[in-house]
Amino acid sequence: MTQPADEADARVRPVLLDVGNLQRVGARPGFGNYLQRLWAYRHFIVFDAKSRVVGGNRRDRLGSIWLIANPVLNGLTYYLIFGLFLRTGAGIENFIGYLVIGIFLFQISSRAITNGGRSIQQNRTVIQAFSFPRAALPVAVNLRELIASVPVLIVMLLIVLVLPPTEDVTWKWLLIIPALALQWMFNLGISLILARIISKVNDVVHLLSFALRAWMYGSAVFYSYERFIEHPALLRVVELNPLFNVLDIARNCLLYDQLPSWQSWAVLSAWAAGALAVGAVYFWLAEETYGRG
């Protein structure tokens, strides 16, 4: 039975909706809110980092041994080339320890920055499927590299203790902890910057390996920076290099029983804080664009 038109119209009532508090799906939150959301995902970040460390070398027969074998083999290769053939270690006290510290610590940064920078690009499917702070990906990668570096650092310390000329353990060895913390902050900041860039321009990946290689040569990994003492401008550039300061602090503490200079701490702290602050804001500004296109 058909209802009268006036009765049907009486049942249709306009409803006013307040859309003032609605937010667009995927909209970028405020920076403070974004950091709070990122902290809320801390359990996911830790779980992802740990699980990837355990399963990262599962396909290899030696498994996680490669975490230690790779820097050891690299150190041996550089020792043969630069220590025995080119003799860049001439005049360096305990060149083996000097070289091992340089290779091991530089590779920690190299791996963290490379993998962190590619974290958005390599997880595009996950980004498109789930809603979460995208910064969780580079943070998880850097945490993974930090966890994976623990056995590497233990081997580094053992080499310093066992291979002649052996070094004594002193309280100054504890200063390696804040140095590594500042190094991790710096790595994370650079990873956040590169993660945004590489997500838009994949070609940067091919340039990154060359940049890291040039950075290694400029960080006094296998030679003494004192050979640049006749070139003040070049020496100043080396001394402002954050990775050089990481290595300088570690070598003074572990090899030479010396307190690192306040200048080394100041330069490294400035780089760490600056890179992390700039990286976090720079990455956050493009939050809405990750996973698109």
Protein backbone atom coordinates (compact mmCIF):
# COMPACT_ATOMS: atom_id res chain seq x y z
CA MET A 1 0.00 0.00 0.00
CA THR A 2 1.47 3.33 -1.04
CA GLN A 3 1.90 5.96 1.67
CA PRO A 4 0.63 9.48 1.03
CA ALA A 5 3.33 11.88 -0.18
CA ASP A 6 2.86 14.27 2.74
CA GLU A 7 3.28 11.42 5.28
CA ALA A 8 6.52 10.16 3.59
CA ASP A 9 7.91 13.68 3.49
CA ALA A 10 7.19 14.09 7.19
CA ARG A 11 9.46 11.14 8.00
CA VAL A 12 12.40 12.56 6.03
CA ARG A 13 14.22 14.96 8.29
CA PRO A 14 17.49 16.73 7.48
CA VAL A 15 20.35 15.85 9.81
CA LEU A 16 23.13 18.33 10.45
CA LEU A 17 26.62 16.79 10.71
CA ASP A 18 29.50 18.49 12.47
CA VAL A 19 32.53 17.77 10.30
CA GLY A 20 34.78 20.13 12.20
CA ASN A 21 36.50 17.34 14.14
CA LEU A 22 36.85 14.92 11.22
CA GLN A 23 40.30 14.24 9.85
CA ARG A 24 41.28 13.05 6.43
CA VAL A 25 42.45 9.44 6.37
CA GLY A 26 46.24 9.36 6.18
CA ALA A 27 46.59 13.03 7.02
CA ARG A 28 49.87 14.09 8.59
CA PRO A 29 49.46 14.68 12.34
CA GLY A 30 51.23 17.41 14.24
CA PHE A 31 54.90 16.77 14.95
CA GLY A 32 54.39 16.25 18.69
CA ASN A 33 51.46 13.90 18.09
CA TYR A 34 53.53 12.08 15.49
CA LEU A 35 56.29 11.41 18.00
CA GLN A 36 53.70 10.13 20.49
CA ARG A 37 52.29 7.74 17.90
CA LEU A 38 55.81 6.59 17.08
CA TRP A 39 56.45 5.88 20.77
CA ALA A 40 53.20 3.89 20.92
CA TYR A 41 54.65 1.58 18.24
CA ARG A 42 57.85 0.94 20.22
CA HIS A 43 56.95 -2.71 20.87
CA PHE A 44 56.45 -3.32 17.15
CA ILE A 45 59.77 -1.62 16.39
CA VAL A 46 61.67 -3.74 18.92
CA PHE A 47 60.00 -6.98 17.79
CA ASP A 48 60.67 -6.23 14.12
CA ALA A 49 64.32 -5.40 14.81
CA LYS A 50 64.94 -8.55 16.86
CA SER A 51 63.16 -10.87 14.43
CA ARG A 52 65.08 -9.53 11.45
CA VAL A 53 68.40 -9.94 13.25
CA VAL A 54 67.58 -13.59 13.94
CA GLY A 55 66.30 -14.34 10.44
CA GLY A 56 68.59 -12.06 8.46
CA ASN A 57 71.18 -14.75 7.63
CA ARG A 58 68.92 -17.78 7.80
CA ARG A 59 69.60 -18.72 4.16
CA ASP A 60 73.36 -18.84 4.75
CA ARG A 61 74.90 -21.99 6.16
CA LEU A 62 76.99 -20.01 8.62
CA GLY A 63 73.98 -17.93 9.64
CA SER A 64 74.69 -15.04 11.99
CA ILE A 65 78.42 -15.85 11.97
CA TRP A 66 78.60 -13.63 8.90
CA LEU A 67 77.80 -10.62 11.10
CA ILE A 68 81.24 -11.12 12.61
CA ALA A 69 83.02 -12.71 9.63
CA ASN A 70 82.32 -9.81 7.25
CA PRO A 71 84.08 -7.06 9.24
CA VAL A 72 86.89 -9.46 10.18
CA LEU A 73 87.52 -10.37 6.53
CA ASN A 74 87.29 -6.71 5.51
CA GLY A 75 89.75 -5.78 8.23
CA LEU A 76 92.16 -8.48 7.06
CA THR A 77 91.86 -7.29 3.45
CA TYR A 78 92.54 -3.66 4.37
CA TYR A 79 95.45 -4.72 6.59
CA LEU A 80 97.07 -6.62 3.72
CA ILE A 81 96.59 -3.74 1.26
CA PHE A 82 97.16 -0.68 3.39
CA GLY A 83 99.19 -2.14 6.24
CA LEU A 84 101.61 -4.45 4.44
CA PHE A 85 101.68 -3.26 0.83
CA LEU A 86 101.07 0.50 1.03
CA ARG A 87 102.30 0.81 4.64
CA THR A 88 99.84 3.56 5.56
CA GLY A 89 100.20 2.45 9.17
CA ALA A 90 103.77 3.65 9.43
CA GLY A 91 104.13 5.65 12.63
CA ILE A 92 100.76 4.54 14.04
CA GLU A 93 101.02 2.85 17.43
CA ASN A 94 99.14 -0.48 17.46
CA PHE A 95 98.07 -0.23 13.83
CA ILE A 96 96.11 -3.50 13.98
CA GLY A 97 93.88 -2.17 16.74
CA TYR A 98 93.71 1.21 15.00
CA LEU A 99 92.54 -0.46 11.77
CA VAL A 100 90.11 -2.88 13.41
CA ILE A 101 88.35 -0.11 15.33
CA GLY A 102 88.13 1.97 12.16
CA ILE A 103 86.73 -0.83 9.97
CA PHE A 104 84.27 -2.22 12.52
CA LEU A 105 82.78 1.10 13.63
CA PHE A 106 82.60 2.57 10.15
CA GLN A 107 80.77 -0.48 8.83
CA ILE A 108 78.18 -0.13 11.58
CA SER A 109 77.32 3.33 10.25
CA SER A 110 77.56 2.22 6.64
CA ARG A 111 75.08 -0.64 7.12
CA ALA A 112 72.68 1.42 9.24
CA ILE A 113 72.58 4.37 6.83
CA THR A 114 72.29 2.20 3.71
CA ASN A 115 69.54 -0.07 5.01
CA GLY A 116 67.75 2.72 6.85
CA GLY A 117 67.75 4.89 3.76
CA ARG A 118 66.11 2.12 1.73
CA SER A 119 63.56 1.16 4.40
CA ILE A 120 60.62 3.07 2.86
CA GLN A 121 61.40 1.94 -0.67
CA GLN A 122 61.68 -1.73 0.34
CA ASN A 123 58.48 -1.75 2.42
CA ARG A 124 56.13 0.02 0.04
CA THR A 125 53.60 -2.84 0.16
CA VAL A 126 53.44 -2.71 3.95
CA ILE A 127 53.00 1.06 3.87
CA GLN A 128 50.10 0.80 1.44
CA ALA A 129 48.38 -1.91 3.48
CA PHE A 130 48.66 -0.56 7.04
CA SER A 131 48.39 2.75 8.84
CA PHE A 132 51.30 3.50 11.18
CA PRO A 133 53.98 6.17 11.57
CA ARG A 134 56.29 5.59 8.61
CA ALA A 135 59.30 6.62 10.67
CA ALA A 136 58.91 3.31 12.51
CA LEU A 137 60.60 1.61 9.54
CA PRO A 138 63.96 3.48 9.55
CA VAL A 139 63.94 3.45 13.36
CA ALA A 140 63.46 -0.34 13.36
CA VAL A 141 66.27 -0.76 10.82
CA ASN A 142 68.69 1.29 12.92
CA LEU A 143 67.71 -0.61 16.06
CA ARG A 144 68.27 -3.87 14.18
CA GLU A 145 71.74 -2.77 13.12
CA LEU A 146 72.51 -1.75 16.71
CA ILE A 147 71.50 -5.18 18.01
CA ALA A 148 73.42 -6.91 15.23
CA SER A 149 76.53 -4.87 16.07
CA VAL A 150 76.77 -6.21 19.64
CA PRO A 151 78.72 -9.39 18.70
CA VAL A 152 80.78 -7.33 16.26
CA LEU A 153 81.78 -4.93 19.04
CA ILE A 154 82.62 -7.83 21.35
CA VAL A 155 84.94 -9.31 18.72
CA MET A 156 86.50 -5.88 18.19
CA LEU A 157 87.29 -5.58 21.90
CA LEU A 158 88.66 -9.13 21.99
CA ILE A 159 90.99 -8.39 19.07
CA VAL A 160 92.27 -5.29 20.89
CA LEU A 161 92.85 -7.41 24.00
CA VAL A 162 94.40 -10.49 22.35
CA LEU A 163 96.42 -9.38 19.32
CA PRO A 164 99.77 -7.78 20.17
CA PRO A 165 100.45 -5.17 21.21
CA THR A 166 97.72 -5.94 23.73
CA GLU A 167 95.94 -3.21 25.66
CA ASP A 168 94.80 -3.08 29.29
CA VAL A 169 91.17 -2.62 30.23
CA THR A 170 90.59 0.71 32.01
CA TRP A 171 87.54 2.70 33.07
CA LYS A 172 87.96 4.80 29.94
CA TRP A 173 86.63 1.85 27.96
CA LEU A 174 83.18 2.76 29.31
CA LEU A 175 83.29 5.98 27.30
CA ILE A 176 82.71 3.90 24.19
CA ILE A 177 79.05 3.59 25.27
CA PRO A 178 78.09 7.29 24.95
CA ALA A 179 80.16 7.50 21.76
CA LEU A 180 78.17 4.63 20.24
CA ALA A 181 74.91 6.22 21.41
CA LEU A 182 75.81 9.45 19.61
CA GLN A 183 76.85 7.46 16.55
CA TRP A 184 73.45 5.69 16.57
CA MET A 185 71.60 9.02 16.80
CA PHE A 186 73.59 10.35 13.86
CA ASN A 187 72.96 7.19 11.81
CA LEU A 188 69.23 7.44 12.47
CA GLY A 189 69.08 11.09 11.47
CA ILE A 190 70.86 10.47 8.15
CA SER A 191 68.68 7.38 7.56
CA LEU A 192 65.50 9.47 7.95
CA ILE A 193 66.78 12.05 5.48
CA LEU A 194 67.82 9.44 2.92
CA ALA A 195 64.63 7.40 3.41
CA ARG A 196 62.54 10.32 2.17
CA ILE A 197 64.90 11.12 -0.70
CA ILE A 198 65.25 7.53 -1.91
CA SER A 199 61.49 6.94 -1.69
CA LYS A 200 61.14 9.65 -4.38
CA VAL A 201 64.38 9.26 -6.34
CA ASN A 202 65.63 5.67 -6.42
CA ASP A 203 68.74 6.66 -8.36
CA VAL A 204 70.24 7.95 -5.12
CA VAL A 205 70.76 4.32 -4.07
CA HIS A 206 73.41 3.94 -6.77
CA LEU A 207 75.21 7.07 -5.62
CA LEU A 208 75.10 6.12 -1.95
CA SER A 209 77.75 3.41 -2.21
CA PHE A 210 80.18 5.85 -3.83
CA ALA A 211 79.45 8.49 -1.19
CA LEU A 212 80.07 6.01 1.63
CA ARG A 213 83.33 4.89 0.06
CA ALA A 214 84.54 8.49 -0.21
CA TRP A 215 83.39 9.07 3.38
CA MET A 216 85.43 6.10 4.54
CA TYR A 217 88.58 7.47 2.91
CA GLY A 218 87.90 10.82 4.58
CA SER A 219 87.44 9.34 8.04
CA ALA A 220 91.02 8.17 8.66
CA VAL A 221 89.91 4.54 8.88
CA PHE A 222 93.25 3.05 7.82
CA TYR A 223 95.72 5.93 7.94
CA SER A 224 96.72 8.65 10.37
CA TYR A 225 95.09 12.04 9.83
CA GLU A 226 98.31 13.69 11.02
CA ARG A 227 99.69 13.39 7.50
CA PHE A 228 97.39 16.29 6.60
CA ILE A 229 98.97 18.52 9.22
CA GLU A 230 100.57 20.59 6.42
CA HIS A 231 97.14 21.25 4.90
CA PRO A 232 95.16 23.11 7.60
CA ALA A 233 91.95 23.41 5.56
CA LEU A 234 91.86 19.71 4.73
CA LEU A 235 92.76 18.84 8.31
CA ARG A 236 89.87 20.95 9.56
CA VAL A 237 87.45 19.12 7.26
CA VAL A 238 88.65 15.77 8.63
CA GLU A 239 88.30 16.96 12.22
CA LEU A 240 84.69 18.05 11.58
CA ASN A 241 83.81 14.65 10.15
CA PRO A 242 81.40 12.96 12.63
CA LEU A 243 82.66 9.45 11.88
CA PHE A 244 86.26 10.56 12.34
CA ASN A 245 85.33 11.81 15.81
CA VAL A 246 83.65 8.48 16.66
CA LEU A 247 86.83 6.66 15.67
CA ASP A 248 89.07 9.17 17.44
CA ILE A 249 87.13 8.83 20.71
CA ALA A 250 87.10 5.03 20.50
CA ARG A 251 90.81 4.80 19.71
CA ASN A 252 91.82 7.14 22.51
CA CYS A 253 89.75 5.17 25.02
CA LEU A 254 90.55 1.62 23.88
CA LEU A 255 94.11 1.88 22.55
CA TYR A 256 95.91 4.81 24.08
CA ASP A 257 94.33 5.16 27.54
CA GLN A 258 93.61 8.82 26.89
CA LEU A 259 90.55 10.94 27.57
CA PRO A 260 89.05 12.17 24.29
CA SER A 261 89.19 15.92 23.83
CA TRP A 262 86.10 17.98 24.55
CA GLN A 263 86.23 19.17 20.95
CA SER A 264 85.64 15.61 19.71
CA TRP A 265 82.65 15.21 22.02
CA ALA A 266 81.27 18.61 21.04
CA VAL A 267 81.54 18.00 17.29
CA LEU A 268 80.05 14.52 17.53
CA SER A 269 77.20 15.67 19.81
CA ALA A 270 76.37 18.57 17.48
CA TRP A 271 76.26 16.25 14.46
CA ALA A 272 74.15 13.65 16.29
CA ALA A 273 71.59 16.11 17.66
CA GLY A 274 71.45 18.14 14.46
CA ALA A 275 71.11 15.15 12.12
CA LEU A 276 68.38 13.57 14.26
CA ALA A 277 66.39 16.81 14.60
CA VAL A 278 66.63 17.70 10.91
CA GLY A 279 66.00 14.11 9.84
CA ALA A 280 62.91 13.72 12.01
CA VAL A 281 61.29 16.95 10.80
CA TYR A 282 62.29 16.40 7.16
CA PHE A 283 60.88 12.87 7.18
CA TRP A 284 57.67 13.92 8.97
CA LEU A 285 56.90 16.66 6.43
CA ALA A 286 56.45 14.01 3.71
CA GLU A 287 54.51 11.53 5.87
CA GLU A 288 51.43 11.62 3.64
CA THR A 289 53.36 10.85 0.45
CA TYR A 290 55.09 7.58 1.36
CA GLY A 291 53.80 4.59 -0.54
CA ARG A 292 52.12 6.62 -3.27
CA GLY A 293 53.05 6.49 -6.90
